[in-house]
């Protein structure tokens, strides 16, 4: 999250406190309220039924409800060709309650407070962060997927959902032990499904710079390269600001750097200072600057709260200066993907983050942009790049205990874990939306040779991702359940360009922390403190960057008193029994120690 983004999206996690409200308790106590659903256990097609081989899951059509994120550029999910095909194959209609990415975290938390069980989602699909899963496990709010004694009042003893109803997923787990590593809780239970990338890169965005503008700068004429440090980038952005780079006669419409708060530009800038995020993170800086000398980092491999570090303060100083000097889009907190793209199509952007430049600037300007790699700075020597999802991303789907359709959802999801559906999850139906190209010798390609390529049948006048969004949620939300090297075999030069541009990041990929699991006590402390800290951070960074007139008189990162006040707020965030970022770090460090022992 999409997609991505989503993703990314996860850098803005809102408080998990809502997960411990009376809403969940109300939900669990009233679970029997779902008996108002006319659930017929005999409607489910068992393995010994002749209909089983057809892929049909139920005899008479049913409707299940899934709560999902949605990019503003996507149509309704139920109108996507993938889910139309899924309904025809399985006889299950999915009613998607889709919430825009910008408000998804908050609205999902509120969904768990739904007091009418008949309106509760049957599944939460995409962007279920691992910490939230742990909290829901502690509340007994979600279904264990590998419980051999799994039972409910609807279908009786359904047993181990993975073993009994998900042969494709089970085969992937056998082949890729990392899936179990990512999803298994401390009690040995698996409560969430993984998205699986059979390649080994996971998900990350690229940062693009306008190379046509770059080549016009005095800095480039002297250095003949893309900037490699944050200081070099500042020189280039200043030239972008001061010159009529797009040649339209208006020297003031160029925007050197633009972003919206849920993309990865902030991660890109922060990484130049030694961290890829602005929250909890494992410190991977090999050296730190101390008294003018580079020394071994004493916190290497340990958990830190990034906003309490000198690195974060340096980041806020730089961002504030860039904002004040017009190097950053003045509308960063009002931007969204659509507004960024409008500026891109108008040829106003010097630098931005996305999966492929054409998604922001259009196909006509795509060739003007090239990727810019991880930066270092005067205070950080270690290159790193934010990886928002790994090869196995344990955030794909969870099933509330209240759903009567546990078997049905398991079987429905397993269809998407069939390798044969990988192309469909990306570009739709073979022969209709795409096809294999003929080989050089004239024989038909079929994907069996590594040299086989395929062509995407994009309707005339339609943009590539605009069309993909009509087919699958993998456009704009990175919603593929299973992915592989198939995507890189497309004959589109833009796709090949993105694949080549991605190579500069792969050696430096880093997630905030590994996927950790927690005890109930750790999760309770994390939730209470992190919720308060997120409230502080949701406003503080914005003011640190944009309050250049000091109207609040407390958010100047250059001012030692202002900074100490910020640190004091974070040191006291939480409740009477658990407070402060230091206490938060203790919980994550204990979970990391357990992780290291298990691995």
Protein backbone atom coordinates (compact mmCIF):
# COMPACT_ATOMS: atom_id res chain seq x y z
CA UNK A 1 0.00 0.00 0.00
CA UNK A 2 -0.34 -0.17 -3.18
CA UNK A 3 0.19 -0.79 -3.42
CA UNK A 4 0.96 0.28 -2.71
CA UNK A 5 1.21 1.82 -0.83
CA UNK A 6 -0.28 0.88 1.28
CA UNK A 7 2.08 0.35 2.43
CA UNK A 8 3.64 3.16 3.02
CA UNK A 9 0.61 3.76 4.43
CA UNK A 10 1.99 1.83 7.34
CA UNK A 11 4.37 4.66 8.21
CA UNK A 12 1.31 6.55 9.34
CA UNK A 13 -0.20 3.93 11.66
CA UNK A 14 -2.80 5.45 13.89
CA UNK A 15 -3.40 4.47 17.48
CA UNK A 16 -4.09 0.83 18.24
CA UNK A 17 -5.88 1.86 21.38
CA UNK A 18 -9.19 1.60 19.59
CA UNK A 19 -8.60 -2.12 19.35
CA UNK A 20 -8.96 -2.40 23.11
CA UNK A 21 -12.14 -0.44 23.46
CA UNK A 22 -15.51 -1.70 24.54
CA UNK A 23 -16.27 -2.04 20.84
CA UNK A 24 -14.37 -5.34 20.60
CA UNK A 25 -15.86 -6.55 23.83
CA UNK A 26 -19.32 -5.72 22.52
CA UNK A 27 -18.50 -7.50 19.30
CA UNK A 28 -17.35 -10.66 21.02
CA UNK A 29 -20.20 -10.78 23.50
CA UNK A 30 -22.74 -10.39 20.75
CA UNK A 31 -21.16 -12.83 18.32
CA UNK A 32 -24.26 -14.95 18.49
CA UNK A 33 -26.03 -12.01 16.88
CA UNK A 34 -24.69 -13.24 13.56
CA UNK A 35 -27.15 -16.11 13.89
CA UNK A 36 -29.50 -13.67 12.21
CA UNK A 37 -27.55 -14.61 9.05
CA UNK A 38 -29.30 -17.51 7.38
CA UNK A 39 -26.20 -19.72 7.30
CA UNK A 40 -26.63 -23.20 5.86
CA UNK A 41 -23.60 -25.41 6.58
CA UNK A 42 -24.80 -27.93 4.00
CA UNK A 43 -24.46 -25.28 1.28
CA UNK A 44 -20.66 -25.64 1.49
CA UNK A 45 -19.21 -28.02 -1.12
CA UNK A 46 -16.94 -30.60 0.54
CA UNK A 47 -14.03 -32.31 -1.17
CA UNK A 48 -16.05 -35.47 -1.81
CA UNK A 49 -18.76 -33.55 -3.68
CA UNK A 50 -18.55 -33.82 -7.53
CA UNK A 51 -18.90 -30.03 -7.74
CA UNK A 52 -15.63 -29.64 -5.84
CA UNK A 53 -13.50 -30.20 -8.95
CA UNK A 54 -15.19 -27.27 -10.71
CA UNK A 55 -13.80 -24.82 -8.17
CA UNK A 56 -17.27 -23.90 -7.00
CA UNK A 57 -17.32 -23.36 -3.23
CA UNK A 58 -21.04 -23.18 -2.41
CA UNK A 59 -24.10 -24.67 -4.06
CA UNK A 60 -26.31 -21.59 -3.75
CA UNK A 61 -24.70 -18.16 -4.10
CA UNK A 62 -23.81 -16.36 -0.88
CA UNK A 63 -22.50 -12.89 -0.08
CA UNK A 64 -19.52 -12.27 2.17
CA UNK A 65 -18.32 -8.83 3.22
CA UNK A 66 -14.71 -7.68 3.03
CA UNK A 67 -13.30 -4.43 4.41
CA UNK A 68 -10.56 -3.07 2.12
CA UNK A 69 -8.48 0.02 1.40
CA UNK A 70 -9.08 1.82 -1.89
CA UNK A 71 -7.09 4.24 -3.98
CA UNK A 72 -9.11 7.14 -5.37
CA UNK A 73 -8.09 6.09 -8.89
CA UNK A 74 -9.68 2.65 -8.52
CA UNK A 75 -13.26 1.77 -9.49
CA UNK A 76 -15.46 -0.19 -7.09
CA UNK A 77 -13.66 -3.41 -6.27
CA UNK A 78 -16.66 -5.57 -7.10
CA UNK A 79 -16.51 -4.15 -10.65
CA UNK A 80 -12.93 -5.35 -11.20
CA UNK A 81 -12.58 -8.18 -13.71
CA UNK A 82 -10.66 -10.34 -11.23
CA UNK A 83 -13.54 -10.41 -8.76
CA UNK A 84 -16.15 -10.90 -11.48
CA UNK A 85 -14.18 -13.98 -12.55
CA UNK A 86 -13.86 -15.11 -8.92
CA UNK A 87 -17.62 -14.86 -8.42
CA UNK A 88 -18.34 -16.87 -11.54
CA UNK A 89 -15.84 -19.56 -10.53
CA UNK A 90 -16.67 -19.86 -6.82
CA UNK A 91 -20.35 -18.84 -6.72
CA UNK A 92 -19.48 -16.38 -3.94
CA UNK A 93 -20.34 -12.71 -4.26
CA UNK A 94 -18.03 -10.41 -2.31
CA UNK A 95 -19.42 -7.14 -1.09
CA UNK A 96 -16.44 -4.82 -0.63
CA UNK A 97 -16.63 -2.00 1.87
CA UNK A 98 -13.77 0.05 0.47
CA UNK A 99 -12.34 3.05 2.32
CA UNK A 100 -9.93 5.56 0.79
CA UNK A 101 -6.32 4.95 1.76
CA UNK A 102 -5.99 8.35 3.40
CA UNK A 103 -8.51 7.44 6.11
CA UNK A 104 -8.27 3.65 6.04
CA UNK A 105 -6.40 3.10 9.30
CA UNK A 106 -8.85 5.22 11.27
CA UNK A 107 -11.98 3.80 9.64
CA UNK A 108 -10.77 0.24 10.09
CA UNK A 109 -10.32 0.86 13.80
CA UNK A 110 -13.87 2.17 13.96
CA UNK A 111 -15.12 -0.86 12.06
CA UNK A 112 -13.97 -3.08 14.92
CA UNK A 113 -16.26 -1.05 17.17
CA UNK A 114 -19.31 -1.98 15.08
CA UNK A 115 -22.09 -2.64 17.57
CA UNK A 116 -24.34 -4.42 15.09
CA UNK A 117 -22.69 -7.81 14.43
CA UNK A 118 -24.79 -8.29 11.31
CA UNK A 119 -22.87 -5.36 9.78
CA UNK A 120 -19.43 -6.57 10.81
CA UNK A 121 -17.00 -7.48 8.03
CA UNK A 122 -16.41 -11.18 7.35
CA UNK A 123 -12.78 -10.42 6.51
CA UNK A 124 -10.33 -7.53 6.56
CA UNK A 125 -8.43 -7.65 3.27
CA UNK A 126 -5.04 -5.85 2.86
CA UNK A 127 -3.09 -3.60 5.22
CA UNK A 128 -3.64 -5.51 8.47
CA UNK A 129 -0.45 -4.53 10.25
CA UNK A 130 1.23 -7.26 12.35
CA UNK A 131 0.97 -5.33 15.62
CA UNK A 132 -2.77 -5.04 15.14
CA UNK A 133 -3.04 -8.78 14.51
CA UNK A 134 -1.28 -9.44 17.82
CA UNK A 135 -3.69 -7.11 19.62
CA UNK A 136 -6.68 -8.84 18.04
CA UNK A 137 -5.30 -12.26 18.99
CA UNK A 138 -5.05 -11.11 22.61
CA UNK A 139 -8.70 -10.02 22.41
CA UNK A 140 -9.77 -13.35 20.89
CA UNK A 141 -11.32 -11.31 18.09
CA UNK A 142 -9.92 -13.13 15.04
CA UNK A 143 -9.90 -16.70 13.81
CA UNK A 144 -6.94 -19.01 14.25
CA UNK A 145 -6.29 -20.49 10.82
CA UNK A 146 -4.24 -23.53 11.86
CA UNK A 147 -6.25 -24.78 14.83
CA UNK A 148 -6.91 -28.54 14.43
CA UNK A 149 -9.83 -28.13 16.85
CA UNK A 150 -11.27 -25.08 15.11
CA UNK A 151 -15.02 -24.91 15.63
CA UNK A 152 -17.93 -22.52 15.74
CA UNK A 153 -21.70 -22.68 16.06
CA UNK A 154 -22.24 -22.27 12.31
CA UNK A 155 -20.35 -25.08 10.59
CA UNK A 156 -19.31 -27.17 13.57
CA UNK A 157 -15.76 -28.49 13.78
CA UNK A 158 -14.10 -27.08 10.65
CA UNK A 159 -10.62 -27.89 12.01
CA UNK A 160 -7.40 -26.51 10.55
CA UNK A 161 -8.51 -24.08 7.83
CA UNK A 162 -5.13 -24.08 6.11
CA UNK A 163 -4.70 -27.87 6.11
CA UNK A 164 -8.31 -28.65 5.22
CA UNK A 165 -9.28 -25.93 2.75
CA UNK A 166 -6.16 -24.24 1.37
CA UNK A 167 -4.01 -26.74 -0.58
CA UNK A 168 -2.35 -24.03 -2.68
CA UNK A 169 -1.39 -21.98 0.35
CA UNK A 170 -0.20 -25.08 2.19
CA UNK A 171 2.05 -25.96 -0.77
CA UNK A 172 3.52 -22.45 -0.70
CA UNK A 173 4.13 -22.74 3.04
CA UNK A 174 5.96 -26.03 2.51
CA UNK A 175 8.10 -24.44 -0.22
CA UNK A 176 8.69 -21.15 1.59
CA UNK A 177 9.25 -21.58 5.36
CA UNK A 178 9.42 -17.79 5.67
CA UNK A 179 5.62 -17.65 5.38
CA UNK A 180 5.20 -19.43 8.72
CA UNK A 181 8.00 -17.32 10.23
CA UNK A 182 6.11 -14.15 9.32
CA UNK A 183 2.67 -15.25 10.48
CA UNK A 184 3.12 -17.50 13.52
CA UNK A 185 2.26 -15.93 16.88
CA UNK A 186 3.90 -16.88 20.19
CA UNK A 187 1.13 -19.39 20.90
CA UNK A 188 1.94 -21.23 17.67
CA UNK A 189 -1.22 -19.96 16.05
CA UNK A 190 -1.51 -18.45 12.58
CA UNK A 191 -4.17 -15.76 12.43
CA UNK A 192 -3.37 -13.89 9.22
CA UNK A 193 -2.66 -14.84 5.64
CA UNK A 194 0.47 -13.73 3.81
CA UNK A 195 0.84 -12.15 0.43
CA UNK A 196 3.66 -14.07 -1.26
CA UNK A 197 6.25 -12.83 -3.72
CA UNK A 198 8.10 -15.83 -5.12
CA UNK A 199 10.91 -13.47 -6.12
CA UNK A 200 13.02 -12.12 -3.24
CA UNK A 201 12.65 -8.36 -3.37
CA UNK A 202 9.37 -7.49 -1.66
CA UNK A 203 7.75 -4.11 -2.11
CA UNK A 204 9.39 -0.70 -2.38
CA UNK A 205 8.80 2.54 -4.23
CA UNK A 206 11.30 4.42 -6.35
CA UNK A 207 12.32 8.07 -6.06
CA UNK A 208 12.40 9.88 -9.37
CA UNK A 209 14.28 12.99 -10.46
CA UNK A 210 13.74 14.92 -13.67
CA UNK A 211 16.92 14.14 -15.58
CA UNK A 212 16.03 16.62 -18.33
CA UNK A 213 15.98 19.39 -15.71
CA UNK A 214 19.02 17.89 -13.98
CA UNK A 215 21.11 18.10 -17.13
CA UNK A 216 20.37 21.85 -17.32
CA UNK A 217 21.85 22.52 -13.88
CA UNK A 218 25.31 23.94 -13.34
CA UNK A 219 25.86 21.24 -10.72
CA UNK A 220 25.31 18.46 -13.26
CA UNK A 221 27.54 20.10 -15.84
CA UNK A 222 30.34 19.95 -13.30
CA UNK A 223 29.62 16.49 -11.85
CA UNK A 224 27.86 14.48 -14.60
CA UNK A 225 25.91 12.28 -12.17
CA UNK A 226 22.71 11.97 -10.17
CA UNK A 227 23.02 13.41 -6.63
CA UNK A 228 24.39 10.91 -4.12
CA UNK A 229 24.15 12.97 -0.91
CA UNK A 230 21.38 15.08 0.62
CA UNK A 231 23.64 18.12 0.30
CA UNK A 232 24.07 17.54 -3.44
CA UNK A 233 20.31 17.10 -3.83
CA UNK A 234 19.73 20.44 -2.12
CA UNK A 235 21.97 22.20 -4.63
CA UNK A 236 20.05 20.61 -7.52
CA UNK A 237 16.62 21.41 -6.05
CA UNK A 238 17.69 25.01 -5.62
CA UNK A 239 18.51 25.23 -9.31
CA UNK A 240 15.16 23.60 -10.13
CA UNK A 241 13.49 26.39 -8.13
CA UNK A 242 15.44 29.27 -9.62
CA UNK A 243 15.34 28.45 -13.33
CA UNK A 244 12.62 28.00 -15.95
CA UNK A 245 13.37 24.31 -16.18
CA UNK A 246 10.24 23.31 -18.10
CA UNK A 247 10.78 26.11 -20.61
CA UNK A 248 7.26 27.47 -20.56
CA UNK A 249 8.32 31.05 -19.89
CA UNK A 250 7.20 30.96 -16.25
CA UNK A 251 10.21 30.66 -13.90
CA UNK A 252 7.95 30.24 -10.86
CA UNK A 253 5.81 27.17 -11.64
CA UNK A 254 8.51 24.53 -11.09
CA UNK A 255 8.09 22.45 -7.91
CA UNK A 256 11.51 21.05 -6.93
CA UNK A 257 10.20 18.34 -4.58
CA UNK A 258 6.60 17.26 -4.04
CA UNK A 259 4.86 14.48 -2.19
CA UNK A 260 1.76 13.56 -0.25
CA UNK A 261 1.99 12.28 3.29
CA UNK A 262 1.36 8.60 2.56
CA UNK A 263 3.96 8.20 -0.19
CA UNK A 264 7.60 7.33 0.45
CA UNK A 265 9.36 10.67 -0.10
CA UNK A 266 9.69 11.27 3.64
CA UNK A 267 11.29 7.84 3.98
CA UNK A 268 13.70 8.78 1.18
CA UNK A 269 14.78 11.99 2.92
CA UNK A 270 14.91 10.40 6.38
CA UNK A 271 17.14 7.59 5.11
CA UNK A 272 19.87 10.12 4.33
CA UNK A 273 20.02 10.70 8.09
CA UNK A 274 20.27 7.02 9.03
CA UNK A 275 16.71 5.74 9.40
CA UNK A 276 13.99 4.83 6.90
CA UNK A 277 11.05 5.85 9.11
CA UNK A 278 9.96 8.21 11.84
CA UNK A 279 8.83 5.78 14.53
CA UNK A 280 10.09 2.55 16.05
CA UNK A 281 13.02 1.16 14.06
CA UNK A 282 15.98 -1.17 14.30
CA UNK A 283 19.15 0.89 14.06
CA UNK A 284 21.33 -0.31 11.17
CA UNK A 285 23.79 2.58 11.01
CA UNK A 286 27.22 1.03 11.03
CA UNK A 287 28.99 4.24 12.01
CA UNK A 288 27.83 7.43 13.68
CA UNK A 289 29.44 10.85 13.83
CA UNK A 290 30.71 11.65 17.32
CA UNK A 291 32.84 14.72 18.11
CA UNK A 292 33.68 15.07 14.44
CA UNK A 293 34.81 11.44 14.07
CA UNK A 294 33.11 8.34 12.67
CA UNK A 295 32.87 5.67 15.36
CA UNK A 296 31.15 2.29 15.67
CA UNK A 297 27.46 2.74 16.41
CA UNK A 298 26.75 1.56 19.99
CA UNK A 299 23.04 1.01 19.21
CA UNK A 300 23.61 -0.98 16.01
CA UNK A 301 21.03 -3.76 15.74
CA UNK A 302 18.94 -2.36 18.59
CA UNK A 303 15.48 -0.79 18.68
CA UNK A 304 15.27 3.00 18.85
CA UNK A 305 12.47 5.56 18.82
CA UNK A 306 13.60 7.63 15.84
CA UNK A 307 11.97 10.98 16.83
CA UNK A 308 14.13 11.03 19.97
CA UNK A 309 17.38 10.84 17.96
CA UNK A 310 19.67 13.61 16.78
CA UNK A 311 19.17 12.20 13.28
CA UNK A 312 15.46 13.04 13.37
CA UNK A 313 16.18 16.54 14.58
CA UNK A 314 18.57 17.08 11.67
CA UNK A 315 15.89 15.77 9.32
CA UNK A 316 13.30 18.25 10.64
CA UNK A 317 15.78 21.11 10.40
CA UNK A 318 16.42 20.31 6.76
CA UNK A 319 12.75 19.83 5.88
CA UNK A 320 11.81 23.12 7.54
CA UNK A 321 14.53 24.97 5.68
CA UNK A 322 13.53 23.39 2.37
CA UNK A 323 9.90 24.29 2.99
CA UNK A 324 10.76 27.88 3.89
CA UNK A 325 13.01 28.25 0.87
CA UNK A 326 10.45 26.85 -1.58
CA UNK A 327 12.27 23.62 -2.35
CA UNK A 328 9.26 21.60 -1.16
CA UNK A 329 5.71 21.90 -2.47
CA UNK A 330 3.84 24.26 -0.16
CA UNK A 331 0.77 21.99 -0.44
CA UNK A 332 2.35 18.78 0.87
CA UNK A 333 -0.33 18.37 3.56
CA UNK A 334 -3.16 18.96 1.11
CA UNK A 335 -1.79 16.79 -1.70
CA UNK A 336 -3.04 13.38 -2.70
CA UNK A 337 -2.14 11.05 -5.55
CA UNK A 338 -4.45 12.84 -7.97
CA UNK A 339 -3.14 16.30 -7.18
CA UNK A 340 0.44 15.11 -7.48
CA UNK A 341 -0.31 13.59 -10.88
CA UNK A 342 -1.95 16.84 -12.06
CA UNK A 343 1.31 18.67 -11.35
CA UNK A 344 3.27 15.86 -12.99
CA UNK A 345 1.26 15.96 -16.20
CA UNK A 346 1.78 19.74 -16.28
CA UNK A 347 5.56 19.15 -16.24
CA UNK A 348 6.04 20.96 -12.93
CA UNK A 349 7.80 18.28 -10.85
CA UNK A 350 11.50 17.90 -10.21
CA UNK A 351 11.48 14.99 -7.73
CA UNK A 352 8.83 12.62 -6.34
CA UNK A 353 8.16 9.05 -5.22
CA UNK A 354 6.14 6.41 -7.07
CA UNK A 355 6.31 2.86 -8.45
CA UNK A 356 6.95 4.10 -12.00
CA UNK A 357 7.37 7.69 -13.22
CA UNK A 358 4.59 7.46 -15.80
CA UNK A 359 2.06 6.95 -13.00
CA UNK A 360 2.65 10.57 -11.95
CA UNK A 361 3.81 12.37 -15.11
CA UNK A 362 2.14 10.35 -17.86
CA UNK A 363 3.68 8.34 -20.65
CA UNK A 364 4.78 11.36 -22.70
CA UNK A 365 7.07 12.65 -19.94
CA UNK A 366 8.14 9.28 -18.52
CA UNK A 367 11.46 9.27 -20.36
CA UNK A 368 12.40 12.61 -18.76
CA UNK A 369 12.78 10.93 -15.37
CA UNK A 370 15.27 8.55 -13.84
CA UNK A 371 15.51 6.94 -10.42
CA UNK A 372 17.70 8.40 -7.72
CA UNK A 373 19.27 5.98 -5.26
CA UNK A 374 19.77 6.04 -1.48
CA UNK A 375 21.52 9.16 -0.23
CA UNK A 376 24.05 9.69 2.50
CA UNK A 377 24.70 12.95 4.35
CA UNK A 378 27.25 14.74 6.44
CA UNK A 379 25.86 12.87 9.49
CA UNK A 380 25.24 9.41 7.99
CA UNK A 381 27.41 7.12 5.87
CA UNK A 382 25.10 4.11 5.65
CA UNK A 383 22.92 3.78 2.55
CA UNK A 384 19.44 2.34 3.11
CA UNK A 385 16.09 2.19 1.34
CA UNK A 386 12.63 1.73 2.81
CA UNK A 387 11.07 -1.64 2.00
CA UNK A 388 7.38 -1.44 2.88
CA UNK A 389 6.77 -5.15 2.44
CA UNK A 390 8.96 -8.22 2.36
CA UNK A 391 8.84 -11.32 0.24
CA UNK A 392 6.21 -12.58 2.68
CA UNK A 393 3.90 -9.88 3.99
CA UNK A 394 1.74 -11.08 6.88
CA UNK A 395 -0.85 -8.36 6.47
CA UNK A 396 -3.09 -9.76 3.77
CA UNK A 397 -6.26 -11.07 5.40
CA UNK A 398 -7.78 -11.76 8.81
CA UNK A 399 -11.17 -13.29 9.63
CA UNK A 400 -13.16 -12.03 12.64
CA UNK A 401 -14.46 -14.71 14.96
CA UNK A 402 -17.97 -13.46 14.28
CA UNK A 403 -17.97 -14.50 10.62
CA UNK A 404 -19.93 -17.68 9.81
CA UNK A 405 -18.03 -18.02 6.51
CA UNK A 406 -14.62 -19.14 7.71
CA UNK A 407 -14.40 -22.21 5.43
CA UNK A 408 -15.76 -20.28 2.48
CA UNK A 409 -13.26 -17.44 2.87
CA UNK A 410 -10.35 -19.89 3.23
CA UNK A 411 -11.33 -21.67 0.01
CA UNK A 412 -11.99 -18.37 -1.79
CA UNK A 413 -8.56 -17.03 -0.87
CA UNK A 414 -6.86 -20.27 -1.86
CA UNK A 415 -7.97 -19.72 -5.44
CA UNK A 416 -5.74 -16.65 -5.48
CA UNK A 417 -2.79 -18.69 -4.16
CA UNK A 418 -2.91 -20.89 -7.26
CA UNK A 419 0.13 -19.90 -9.41
CA UNK A 420 -2.11 -20.07 -12.45
CA UNK A 421 -3.92 -16.96 -11.23
CA UNK A 422 -0.79 -14.76 -11.05
CA UNK A 423 -1.34 -13.18 -14.50
CA UNK A 424 -5.01 -12.60 -13.70
CA UNK A 425 -4.12 -10.80 -10.47
CA UNK A 426 -1.94 -8.47 -12.48
CA UNK A 427 -3.44 -7.95 -15.95
CA UNK A 428 -6.66 -9.93 -16.23
CA UNK A 429 -7.71 -12.79 -18.45
CA UNK A 430 -5.32 -14.34 -20.97
CA UNK A 431 -6.49 -13.91 -24.55
CA UNK A 432 -8.76 -11.03 -23.63
CA UNK A 433 -6.71 -8.55 -21.62
CA UNK A 434 -3.24 -9.89 -22.49
CA UNK A 435 -1.53 -12.63 -24.51
CA UNK A 436 1.85 -14.28 -24.96
CA UNK A 437 3.88 -12.99 -27.90
CA UNK A 438 5.10 -15.18 -30.73
CA UNK A 439 8.73 -16.21 -30.44
CA UNK A 440 11.46 -15.16 -32.87
CA UNK A 441 11.10 -18.45 -34.73
CA UNK A 442 7.40 -17.79 -35.25
CA UNK A 443 6.14 -20.39 -32.80
CA UNK A 444 3.53 -19.27 -30.23
CA UNK A 445 4.89 -18.27 -26.83
CA UNK A 446 3.27 -19.82 -23.79
CA UNK A 447 5.47 -18.75 -20.88
CA UNK A 448 7.41 -22.01 -20.66
CA UNK A 449 10.62 -20.42 -21.96
CA UNK A 450 12.38 -17.74 -19.94
CA UNK A 451 12.58 -15.63 -23.09
CA UNK A 452 8.80 -15.66 -23.62
CA UNK A 453 7.22 -12.21 -23.33
CA UNK A 454 3.63 -11.04 -23.21
CA UNK A 455 1.65 -8.04 -24.39
CA UNK A 456 -0.95 -6.05 -22.46
CA UNK A 457 -3.99 -5.11 -24.58
CA UNK A 458 -4.54 -1.56 -23.36
CA UNK A 459 -7.53 0.11 -25.02
CA UNK A 460 -6.65 3.09 -27.19
CA UNK A 461 -6.78 6.37 -25.30
CA UNK A 462 -6.52 4.75 -21.85
CA UNK A 463 -3.52 4.97 -19.51
CA UNK A 464 -1.92 1.69 -18.51
CA UNK A 465 -2.59 1.82 -14.76
CA UNK A 466 -6.02 3.30 -15.32
CA UNK A 467 -6.88 0.18 -17.29
CA UNK A 468 -5.18 -2.19 -14.84
CA UNK A 469 -7.27 -0.69 -12.05
CA UNK A 470 -10.38 -1.94 -13.84
CA UNK A 471 -8.96 -5.45 -13.77
CA UNK A 472 -7.31 -5.94 -10.38
CA UNK A 473 -6.51 -4.25 -7.04
CA UNK A 474 -2.80 -4.76 -7.75
CA UNK A 475 -2.99 -1.39 -9.51
CA UNK A 476 -2.56 1.45 -6.98
CA UNK A 477 -2.87 -0.73 -3.82
CA UNK A 478 -0.34 -3.50 -4.51
CA UNK A 479 -3.16 -5.95 -3.91
CA UNK A 480 -1.74 -9.09 -5.49
CA UNK A 481 -2.04 -12.17 -3.28
CA UNK A 482 0.66 -14.04 -5.19
CA UNK A 483 3.27 -12.53 -7.50
CA UNK A 484 6.36 -13.62 -9.39
CA UNK A 485 8.69 -12.74 -12.26
CA UNK A 486 5.74 -12.80 -14.66
CA UNK A 487 5.37 -9.03 -14.32
CA UNK A 488 8.88 -8.37 -15.65
CA UNK A 489 8.24 -10.31 -18.87
CA UNK A 490 5.91 -7.70 -20.32
CA UNK A 491 7.05 -6.26 -23.64
CA UNK A 492 6.30 -2.67 -22.53
CA UNK A 493 9.53 -0.59 -22.50
CA UNK A 494 8.22 1.38 -19.49
CA UNK A 495 8.02 -1.79 -17.42
CA UNK A 496 11.52 -2.83 -18.47
CA UNK A 497 12.73 0.65 -17.55
CA UNK A 498 11.21 0.35 -14.06
CA UNK A 499 12.78 -3.09 -13.59
CA UNK A 500 16.18 -1.67 -14.48
CA UNK A 501 15.67 1.37 -12.27
CA UNK A 502 14.79 -0.86 -9.32
CA UNK A 503 18.19 -2.54 -9.27
CA UNK A 504 19.93 0.39 -7.55
CA UNK A 505 17.78 -0.10 -4.43
CA UNK A 506 17.92 -3.86 -3.90
CA UNK A 507 21.27 -3.98 -2.02
CA UNK A 508 20.00 -1.40 0.48
CA UNK A 509 16.44 -2.54 1.26
CA UNK A 510 15.39 -2.19 4.88
CA UNK A 511 12.15 -2.57 6.82
CA UNK A 512 11.54 -0.67 10.04
CA UNK A 513 11.80 -3.87 12.05
CA UNK A 514 11.40 -7.57 11.30
CA UNK A 515 7.91 -8.98 11.74
CA UNK A 516 7.82 -9.45 15.50
CA UNK A 517 5.32 -11.15 17.79
CA UNK A 518 4.53 -9.99 21.29
CA UNK A 519 3.17 -11.20 24.58
CA UNK A 520 -0.18 -9.86 25.69
CA UNK A 521 1.50 -7.63 28.30
CA UNK A 522 3.92 -6.23 25.72
CA UNK A 523 1.10 -5.51 23.31
CA UNK A 524 -0.96 -3.73 25.94
CA UNK A 525 1.95 -1.44 26.81
CA UNK A 526 2.80 -0.86 23.15
CA UNK A 527 -0.79 0.06 22.33
CA UNK A 528 -1.22 2.54 25.16
CA UNK A 529 2.08 4.32 24.65
CA UNK A 530 2.20 4.19 20.86
CA UNK A 531 -1.30 5.58 20.61
CA UNK A 532 -0.28 8.66 22.59
CA UNK A 533 2.98 9.01 20.69
CA UNK A 534 1.21 8.84 17.34
CA UNK A 535 -1.08 11.65 18.47
CA UNK A 536 1.95 13.79 19.26
CA UNK A 537 3.70 12.89 16.02
CA UNK A 538 0.65 13.46 13.83
CA UNK A 539 0.87 17.21 14.51
CA UNK A 540 4.44 17.82 15.62
CA UNK A 541 6.22 16.97 12.39
CA UNK A 542 3.83 19.06 10.35
CA UNK A 543 4.43 22.07 12.59
CA UNK A 544 8.19 21.48 12.69
CA UNK A 545 8.23 21.68 8.89
CA UNK A 546 5.59 24.29 8.05
CA UNK A 547 5.39 26.65 11.05
CA UNK A 548 8.22 28.77 9.70
CA UNK A 549 6.77 31.92 11.28
CA UNK A 550 6.81 30.31 14.75
CA UNK A 551 3.14 31.10 15.27
CA UNK A 552 2.92 28.25 17.79
CA UNK A 553 6.17 29.30 19.47
CA UNK A 554 7.12 25.71 20.26
CA UNK A 555 7.99 23.96 16.98
CA UNK A 556 11.32 25.38 15.85
CA UNK A 557 13.75 22.43 15.66
CA UNK A 558 16.68 24.85 15.88
CA UNK A 559 15.46 26.00 19.30
CA UNK A 560 16.84 23.81 22.12
CA UNK A 561 13.95 24.65 24.45
CA UNK A 562 11.37 23.77 21.81
CA UNK A 563 13.12 20.49 21.09
CA UNK A 564 13.37 19.58 24.75
CA UNK A 565 9.65 20.26 25.18
CA UNK A 566 8.99 17.86 22.29
CA UNK A 567 11.21 15.20 23.91
CA UNK A 568 9.46 15.69 27.25
CA UNK A 569 6.06 15.17 25.63
CA UNK A 570 7.21 11.89 24.16
CA UNK A 571 8.88 10.84 27.41
CA UNK A 572 5.51 11.17 29.20
CA UNK A 573 3.18 9.84 26.50
CA UNK A 574 0.94 7.01 27.64
CA UNK A 575 -1.06 6.37 30.77
CA UNK A 576 -0.41 6.04 34.49
CA UNK A 577 0.81 2.45 34.29
CA UNK A 578 2.89 2.71 31.10
CA UNK A 579 4.35 5.82 29.55
CA UNK A 580 7.21 7.15 27.52
CA UNK A 581 9.08 6.18 24.38
CA UNK A 582 11.82 4.51 26.46
CA UNK A 583 9.24 2.07 27.85
CA UNK A 584 7.96 1.50 24.32
CA UNK A 585 11.46 0.72 23.09
CA UNK A 586 11.84 -1.85 25.91
CA UNK A 587 8.82 -3.81 24.63
CA UNK A 588 10.00 -3.86 21.04
CA UNK A 589 13.54 -4.75 22.10
CA UNK A 590 12.27 -7.69 24.16
CA UNK A 591 10.27 -8.91 21.14
CA UNK A 592 13.32 -8.45 18.91
CA UNK A 593 15.45 -10.46 21.36
CA UNK A 594 12.90 -13.28 21.16
CA UNK A 595 12.92 -13.02 17.36
CA UNK A 596 16.72 -13.26 17.26
CA UNK A 597 16.64 -16.34 19.50
CA UNK A 598 14.12 -18.03 17.19
CA UNK A 599 16.13 -17.19 14.09
